[in-house]
Amino acid sequence: MMKNDIDQLRRIREQTLARIAEITAQPKPSYRIEGQQVEWADYLRRLQQTVDWCDAKLAAAAPFERRSRATT
């Protein structure tokens, strides 16, 4: 994964967390307007899934070190 990709994932995660903070600070009820249903709980769940997805992608891109020991 390239550095630009990692930076973009971090931005997406940061923006999503900010949106979660906004909507949980002043929770709203679900409602129906002009035939369209707005489900805030579903929206929050999708935002949380986006954060989880970003976390998984960032963890997979993180460098790691594997140590081994030879036995004789």
PDB file of N, CA and C in Angstrom:
ATOM      1  N   MET A   1       0.858  -1.171   0.000  1.00  0.00           N
ATOM      2  CA  MET A   1       0.000   0.000   0.000  1.00  0.00           C
ATOM      3  C   MET A   1       0.902   1.231   0.000  1.00  0.00           C
ATOM      4  N   MET A   2       0.540   2.209  -0.789  1.00  0.00           N
ATOM      5  CA  MET A   2       1.350   3.418  -0.915  1.00  0.00           C
ATOM      6  C   MET A   2       1.028   4.411   0.211  1.00  0.00           C
ATOM      7  N   LYS A   3       1.971   5.304   0.448  1.00  0.00           N
ATOM      8  CA  LYS A   3       1.793   6.292   1.515  1.00  0.00           C
ATOM      9  C   LYS A   3       0.540   7.128   1.304  1.00  0.00           C
ATOM     10  N   ASN A   4       0.249   7.523   0.061  1.00  0.00           N
ATOM     11  CA  ASN A   4      -0.961   8.306  -0.210  1.00  0.00           C
ATOM     12  C   ASN A   4      -2.215   7.544   0.179  1.00  0.00           C
ATOM     13  N   ASP A   5      -2.220   6.224  -0.063  1.00  0.00           N
ATOM     14  CA  ASP A   5      -3.362   5.398   0.318  1.00  0.00           C
ATOM     15  C   ASP A   5      -3.538   5.388   1.834  1.00  0.00           C
ATOM     16  N   ILE A   6      -2.435   5.254   2.538  1.00  0.00           N
ATOM     17  CA  ILE A   6      -2.485   5.236   4.004  1.00  0.00           C
ATOM     18  C   ILE A   6      -2.970   6.582   4.535  1.00  0.00           C
ATOM     19  N   ASP A   7      -2.469   7.665   3.958  1.00  0.00           N
ATOM     20  CA  ASP A   7      -2.918   8.995   4.372  1.00  0.00           C
ATOM     21  C   ASP A   7      -4.416   9.161   4.132  1.00  0.00           C
ATOM     22  N   GLN A   8      -4.887   8.666   3.003  1.00  0.00           N
ATOM     23  CA  GLN A   8      -6.314   8.779   2.690  1.00  0.00           C
ATOM     24  C   GLN A   8      -7.155   7.951   3.659  1.00  0.00           C
ATOM     25  N   LEU A   9      -6.704   6.754   3.984  1.00  0.00           N
ATOM     26  CA  LEU A   9      -7.420   5.931   4.964  1.00  0.00           C
ATOM     27  C   LEU A   9      -7.482   6.630   6.319  1.00  0.00           C
ATOM     28  N   ARG A  10      -6.393   7.248   6.707  1.00  0.00           N
ATOM     29  CA  ARG A  10      -6.375   7.980   7.984  1.00  0.00           C
ATOM     30  C   ARG A  10      -7.357   9.153   7.959  1.00  0.00           C
ATOM     31  N   ARG A  11      -7.425   9.860   6.817  1.00  0.00           N
ATOM     32  CA  ARG A  11      -8.373  10.981   6.692  1.00  0.00           C
ATOM     33  C   ARG A  11      -9.817  10.482   6.755  1.00  0.00           C
ATOM     34  N   ILE A  12     -10.099   9.403   6.040  1.00  0.00           N
ATOM     35  CA  ILE A  12     -11.459   8.837   6.058  1.00  0.00           C
ATOM     36  C   ILE A  12     -11.837   8.457   7.482  1.00  0.00           C
ATOM     37  N   ARG A  13     -10.915   7.800   8.182  1.00  0.00           N
ATOM     38  CA  ARG A  13     -11.174   7.374   9.559  1.00  0.00           C
ATOM     39  C   ARG A  13     -11.424   8.587  10.456  1.00  0.00           C
ATOM     40  N   GLU A  14     -10.573   9.593  10.319  1.00  0.00           N
ATOM     41  CA  GLU A  14     -10.696  10.813  11.131  1.00  0.00           C
ATOM     42  C   GLU A  14     -12.027  11.524  10.868  1.00  0.00           C
ATOM     43  N   GLN A  15     -12.405  11.665   9.607  1.00  0.00           N
ATOM     44  CA  GLN A  15     -13.659  12.331   9.255  1.00  0.00           C
ATOM     45  C   GLN A  15     -14.863  11.525   9.741  1.00  0.00           C
ATOM     46  N   THR A  16     -14.771  10.212   9.641  1.00  0.00           N
ATOM     47  CA  THR A  16     -15.871   9.357  10.091  1.00  0.00           C
ATOM     48  C   THR A  16     -16.032   9.443  11.598  1.00  0.00           C
ATOM     49  N   LEU A  17     -14.917   9.422  12.322  1.00  0.00           N
ATOM     50  CA  LEU A  17     -14.996   9.563  13.784  1.00  0.00           C
ATOM     51  C   LEU A  17     -15.574  10.918  14.178  1.00  0.00           C
ATOM     52  N   ALA A  18     -15.231  11.959  13.444  1.00  0.00           N
ATOM     53  CA  ALA A  18     -15.790  13.290  13.720  1.00  0.00           C
ATOM     54  C   ALA A  18     -17.294  13.282  13.500  1.00  0.00           C
ATOM     55  N   ARG A  19     -17.741  12.634  12.451  1.00  0.00           N
ATOM     56  CA  ARG A  19     -19.189  12.554  12.166  1.00  0.00           C
ATOM     57  C   ARG A  19     -19.905  11.754  13.253  1.00  0.00           C
ATOM     58  N   ILE A  20     -19.280  10.668  13.708  1.00  0.00           N
ATOM     59  CA  ILE A  20     -19.863   9.878  14.805  1.00  0.00           C
ATOM     60  C   ILE A  20     -20.000  10.750  16.050  1.00  0.00           C
ATOM     61  N   ALA A  21     -18.973  11.537  16.348  1.00  0.00           N
ATOM     62  CA  ALA A  21     -19.028  12.430  17.518  1.00  0.00           C
ATOM     63  C   ALA A  21     -20.167  13.432  17.373  1.00  0.00           C
ATOM     64  N   GLU A  22     -20.347  13.973  16.169  1.00  0.00           N
ATOM     65  CA  GLU A  22     -21.427  14.941  15.937  1.00  0.00           C
ATOM     66  C   GLU A  22     -22.803  14.329  16.176  1.00  0.00           C
ATOM     67  N   ILE A  23     -23.039  13.163  15.585  1.00  0.00           N
ATOM     68  CA  ILE A  23     -24.401  12.617  15.676  1.00  0.00           C
ATOM     69  C   ILE A  23     -24.697  11.978  17.025  1.00  0.00           C
ATOM     70  N   THR A  24     -23.666  11.582  17.760  1.00  0.00           N
ATOM     71  CA  THR A  24     -23.934  11.020  19.086  1.00  0.00           C
ATOM     72  C   THR A  24     -24.022  12.110  20.149  1.00  0.00           C
ATOM     73  N   ALA A  25     -23.484  13.283  19.859  1.00  0.00           N
ATOM     74  CA  ALA A  25     -23.585  14.397  20.811  1.00  0.00           C
ATOM     75  C   ALA A  25     -25.024  14.881  20.923  1.00  0.00           C
ATOM     76  N   GLN A  26     -25.748  14.832  19.813  1.00  0.00           N
ATOM     77  CA  GLN A  26     -27.152  15.237  19.787  1.00  0.00           C
ATOM     78  C   GLN A  26     -27.947  14.200  19.001  1.00  0.00           C
ATOM     79  N   PRO A  27     -28.223  13.056  19.632  1.00  0.00           N
ATOM     80  CA  PRO A  27     -28.920  11.986  18.924  1.00  0.00           C
ATOM     81  C   PRO A  27     -30.286  12.438  18.407  1.00  0.00           C
ATOM     82  N   LYS A  28     -30.654  11.911  17.261  1.00  0.00           N
ATOM     83  CA  LYS A  28     -31.942  12.245  16.655  1.00  0.00           C
ATOM     84  C   LYS A  28     -32.756  10.973  16.485  1.00  0.00           C
ATOM     85  N   PRO A  29     -34.062  11.096  16.534  1.00  0.00           N
ATOM     86  CA  PRO A  29     -34.896   9.915  16.314  1.00  0.00           C
ATOM     87  C   PRO A  29     -34.954   9.574  14.828  1.00  0.00           C
ATOM     88  N   SER A  30     -35.271   8.335  14.541  1.00  0.00           N
ATOM     89  CA  SER A  30     -35.529   7.958  13.155  1.00  0.00           C
ATOM     90  C   SER A  30     -36.854   8.585  12.747  1.00  0.00           C
ATOM     91  N   TYR A  31     -36.998   8.870  11.460  1.00  0.00           N
ATOM     92  CA  TYR A  31     -38.235   9.498  11.002  1.00  0.00           C
ATOM     93  C   TYR A  31     -38.489   9.185   9.531  1.00  0.00           C
ATOM     94  N   ARG A  32     -39.686   9.515   9.084  1.00  0.00           N
ATOM     95  CA  ARG A  32     -40.082   9.338   7.708  1.00  0.00           C
ATOM     96  C   ARG A  32     -40.512  10.702   7.178  1.00  0.00           C
ATOM     97  N   ILE A  33     -39.960  11.082   6.030  1.00  0.00           N
ATOM     98  CA  ILE A  33     -40.316  12.348   5.428  1.00  0.00           C
ATOM     99  C   ILE A  33     -40.484  12.142   3.924  1.00  0.00           C
ATOM    100  N   GLU A  34     -41.617  12.540   3.433  1.00  0.00           N
ATOM    101  CA  GLU A  34     -41.940  12.423   2.011  1.00  0.00           C
ATOM    102  C   GLU A  34     -41.644  11.023   1.480  1.00  0.00           C
ATOM    103  N   GLY A  35     -42.044  10.016   2.246  1.00  0.00           N
ATOM    104  CA  GLY A  35     -41.881   8.631   1.823  1.00  0.00           C
ATOM    105  C   GLY A  35     -40.487   8.057   2.020  1.00  0.00           C
ATOM    106  N   GLN A  36     -39.557   8.849   2.531  1.00  0.00           N
ATOM    107  CA  GLN A  36     -38.194   8.365   2.741  1.00  0.00           C
ATOM    108  C   GLN A  36     -37.951   8.156   4.233  1.00  0.00           C
ATOM    109  N   GLN A  37     -37.474   6.975   4.577  1.00  0.00           N
ATOM    110  CA  GLN A  37     -37.188   6.637   5.973  1.00  0.00           C
ATOM    111  C   GLN A  37     -35.735   6.986   6.299  1.00  0.00           C
ATOM    112  N   VAL A  38     -35.522   7.671   7.402  1.00  0.00           N
ATOM    113  CA  VAL A  38     -34.174   8.007   7.869  1.00  0.00           C
ATOM    114  C   VAL A  38     -33.956   7.264   9.185  1.00  0.00           C
ATOM    115  N   GLU A  39     -33.016   6.331   9.172  1.00  0.00           N
ATOM    116  CA  GLU A  39     -32.723   5.499  10.347  1.00  0.00           C
ATOM    117  C   GLU A  39     -31.348   5.890  10.888  1.00  0.00           C
ATOM    118  N   TRP A  40     -31.322   6.648  11.964  1.00  0.00           N
ATOM    119  CA  TRP A  40     -30.059   7.115  12.521  1.00  0.00           C
ATOM    120  C   TRP A  40     -29.228   5.981  13.097  1.00  0.00           C
ATOM    121  N   ALA A  41     -29.858   4.978  13.667  1.00  0.00           N
ATOM    122  CA  ALA A  41     -29.109   3.844  14.230  1.00  0.00           C
ATOM    123  C   ALA A  41     -28.372   3.096  13.118  1.00  0.00           C
ATOM    124  N   ASP A  42     -29.015   2.912  11.968  1.00  0.00           N
ATOM    125  CA  ASP A  42     -28.361   2.250  10.833  1.00  0.00           C
ATOM    126  C   ASP A  42     -27.212   3.094  10.309  1.00  0.00           C
ATOM    127  N   TYR A  43     -27.425   4.394  10.238  1.00  0.00           N
ATOM    128  CA  TYR A  43     -26.383   5.300   9.775  1.00  0.00           C
ATOM    129  C   TYR A  43     -25.174   5.232  10.697  1.00  0.00           C
ATOM    130  N   LEU A  44     -25.402   5.246  12.006  1.00  0.00           N
ATOM    131  CA  LEU A  44     -24.320   5.158  12.979  1.00  0.00           C
ATOM    132  C   LEU A  44     -23.586   3.827  12.823  1.00  0.00           C
ATOM    133  N   ARG A  45     -24.316   2.747  12.653  1.00  0.00           N
ATOM    134  CA  ARG A  45     -23.708   1.425  12.478  1.00  0.00           C
ATOM    135  C   ARG A  45     -22.809   1.399  11.227  1.00  0.00           C
ATOM    136  N   ARG A  46     -23.269   2.004  10.134  1.00  0.00           N
ATOM    137  CA  ARG A  46     -22.453   2.056   8.907  1.00  0.00           C
ATOM    138  C   ARG A  46     -21.194   2.893   9.115  1.00  0.00           C
ATOM    139  N   LEU A  47     -21.314   3.976   9.863  1.00  0.00           N
ATOM    140  CA  LEU A  47     -20.126   4.784  10.164  1.00  0.00           C
ATOM    141  C   LEU A  47     -19.122   3.982  10.990  1.00  0.00           C
ATOM    142  N   GLN A  48     -19.631   3.249  11.975  1.00  0.00           N
ATOM    143  CA  GLN A  48     -18.748   2.424  12.806  1.00  0.00           C
ATOM    144  C   GLN A  48     -18.080   1.330  11.965  1.00  0.00           C
ATOM    145  N   GLN A  49     -18.803   0.774  11.012  1.00  0.00           N
ATOM    146  CA  GLN A  49     -18.227  -0.225  10.117  1.00  0.00           C
ATOM    147  C   GLN A  49     -17.132   0.387   9.246  1.00  0.00           C
ATOM    148  N   THR A  50     -17.311   1.634   8.863  1.00  0.00           N
ATOM    149  CA  THR A  50     -16.289   2.325   8.073  1.00  0.00           C
ATOM    150  C   THR A  50     -15.011   2.495   8.888  1.00  0.00           C
ATOM    151  N   VAL A  51     -15.153   2.862  10.156  1.00  0.00           N
ATOM    152  CA  VAL A  51     -13.977   2.995  11.032  1.00  0.00           C
ATOM    153  C   VAL A  51     -13.289   1.640  11.183  1.00  0.00           C
ATOM    154  N   ASP A  52     -14.058   0.585  11.397  1.00  0.00           N
ATOM    155  CA  ASP A  52     -13.486  -0.763  11.530  1.00  0.00           C
ATOM    156  C   ASP A  52     -12.740  -1.163  10.254  1.00  0.00           C
ATOM    157  N   TRP A  53     -13.326  -0.847   9.097  1.00  0.00           N
ATOM    158  CA  TRP A  53     -12.703  -1.163   7.811  1.00  0.00           C
ATOM    159  C   TRP A  53     -11.373  -0.416   7.674  1.00  0.00           C
ATOM    160  N   CYS A  54     -11.371   0.870   8.013  1.00  0.00           N
ATOM    161  CA  CYS A  54     -10.139   1.656   7.956  1.00  0.00           C
ATOM    162  C   CYS A  54      -9.088   1.075   8.901  1.00  0.00           C
ATOM    163  N   ASP A  55      -9.505   0.714  10.115  1.00  0.00           N
ATOM    164  CA  ASP A  55      -8.572   0.137  11.084  1.00  0.00           C
ATOM    165  C   ASP A  55      -7.935  -1.143  10.538  1.00  0.00           C
ATOM    166  N   ALA A  56      -8.745  -1.993   9.909  1.00  0.00           N
ATOM    167  CA  ALA A  56      -8.229  -3.249   9.357  1.00  0.00           C
ATOM    168  C   ALA A  56      -7.238  -2.981   8.224  1.00  0.00           C
ATOM    169  N   LYS A  57      -7.561  -2.046   7.344  1.00  0.00           N
ATOM    170  CA  LYS A  57      -6.670  -1.713   6.231  1.00  0.00           C
ATOM    171  C   LYS A  57      -5.361  -1.110   6.741  1.00  0.00           C
ATOM    172  N   LEU A  58      -5.459  -0.233   7.729  1.00  0.00           N
ATOM    173  CA  LEU A  58      -4.255   0.392   8.286  1.00  0.00           C
ATOM    174  C   LEU A  58      -3.390  -0.635   9.017  1.00  0.00           C
ATOM    175  N   ALA A  59      -4.022  -1.559   9.736  1.00  0.00           N
ATOM    176  CA  ALA A  59      -3.269  -2.604  10.440  1.00  0.00           C
ATOM    177  C   ALA A  59      -2.552  -3.507   9.440  1.00  0.00           C
ATOM    178  N   ALA A  60      -3.211  -3.818   8.332  1.00  0.00           N
ATOM    179  CA  ALA A  60      -2.602  -4.674   7.316  1.00  0.00           C
ATOM    180  C   ALA A  60      -1.428  -3.977   6.629  1.00  0.00           C
ATOM    181  N   ALA A  61      -1.466  -2.662   6.573  1.00  0.00           N
ATOM    182  CA  ALA A  61      -0.412  -1.903   5.906  1.00  0.00           C
ATOM    183  C   ALA A  61       0.766  -1.588   6.830  1.00  0.00           C
ATOM    184  N   ALA A  62       0.565  -1.798   8.114  1.00  0.00           N
ATOM    185  CA  ALA A  62       1.616  -1.458   9.080  1.00  0.00           C
ATOM    186  C   ALA A  62       2.801  -2.403   8.922  1.00  0.00           C
ATOM    187  N   PRO A  63       3.998  -1.858   9.011  1.00  0.00           N
ATOM    188  CA  PRO A  63       5.170  -2.738   8.932  1.00  0.00           C
ATOM    189  C   PRO A  63       5.207  -3.650  10.157  1.00  0.00           C
ATOM    190  N   PHE A  64       5.755  -4.815   9.968  1.00  0.00           N
ATOM    191  CA  PHE A  64       5.854  -5.735  11.098  1.00  0.00           C
ATOM    192  C   PHE A  64       7.213  -6.413  11.048  1.00  0.00           C
ATOM    193  N   GLU A  65       7.580  -6.956  12.168  1.00  0.00           N
ATOM    194  CA  GLU A  65       8.858  -7.635  12.284  1.00  0.00           C
ATOM    195  C   GLU A  65       8.589  -9.046  12.760  1.00  0.00           C
ATOM    196  N   ARG A  66       9.185  -9.979  12.098  1.00  0.00           N
ATOM    197  CA  ARG A  66       9.022 -11.372  12.502  1.00  0.00           C
ATOM    198  C   ARG A  66      10.366 -11.837  13.053  1.00  0.00           C
ATOM    199  N   ARG A  67      10.337 -12.329  14.254  1.00  0.00           N
ATOM    200  CA  ARG A  67      11.576 -12.812  14.870  1.00  0.00           C
ATOM    201  C   ARG A  67      11.528 -14.328  14.927  1.00  0.00           C
ATOM    202  N   SER A  68      12.636 -14.899  14.671  1.00  0.00           N
ATOM    203  CA  SER A  68      12.737 -16.348  14.789  1.00  0.00           C
ATOM    204  C   SER A  68      14.094 -16.679  15.395  1.00  0.00           C
ATOM    205  N   ARG A  69      14.181 -17.849  15.927  1.00  0.00           N
ATOM    206  CA  ARG A  69      15.420 -18.285  16.545  1.00  0.00           C
ATOM    207  C   ARG A  69      15.740 -19.671  16.029  1.00  0.00           C
ATOM    208  N   ALA A  70      16.951 -19.839  15.620  1.00  0.00           N
ATOM    209  CA  ALA A  70      17.377 -21.155  15.169  1.00  0.00           C
ATOM    210  C   ALA A  70      17.769 -21.983  16.390  1.00  0.00           C
ATOM    211  N   THR A  71      17.426 -23.229  16.340  1.00  0.00           N
ATOM    212  CA  THR A  71      17.829 -24.118  17.428  1.00  0.00           C
ATOM    213  C   THR A  71      18.844 -25.107  16.890  1.00  0.00           C
ATOM    214  N   THR A  72      19.777 -25.426  17.694  1.00  0.00           N
ATOM    215  CA  THR A  72      20.813 -26.381  17.267  1.00  0.00           C
ATOM    216  C   THR A  72      20.870 -27.544  18.178  1.00  0.00           C
TER     217      THR A  72
END
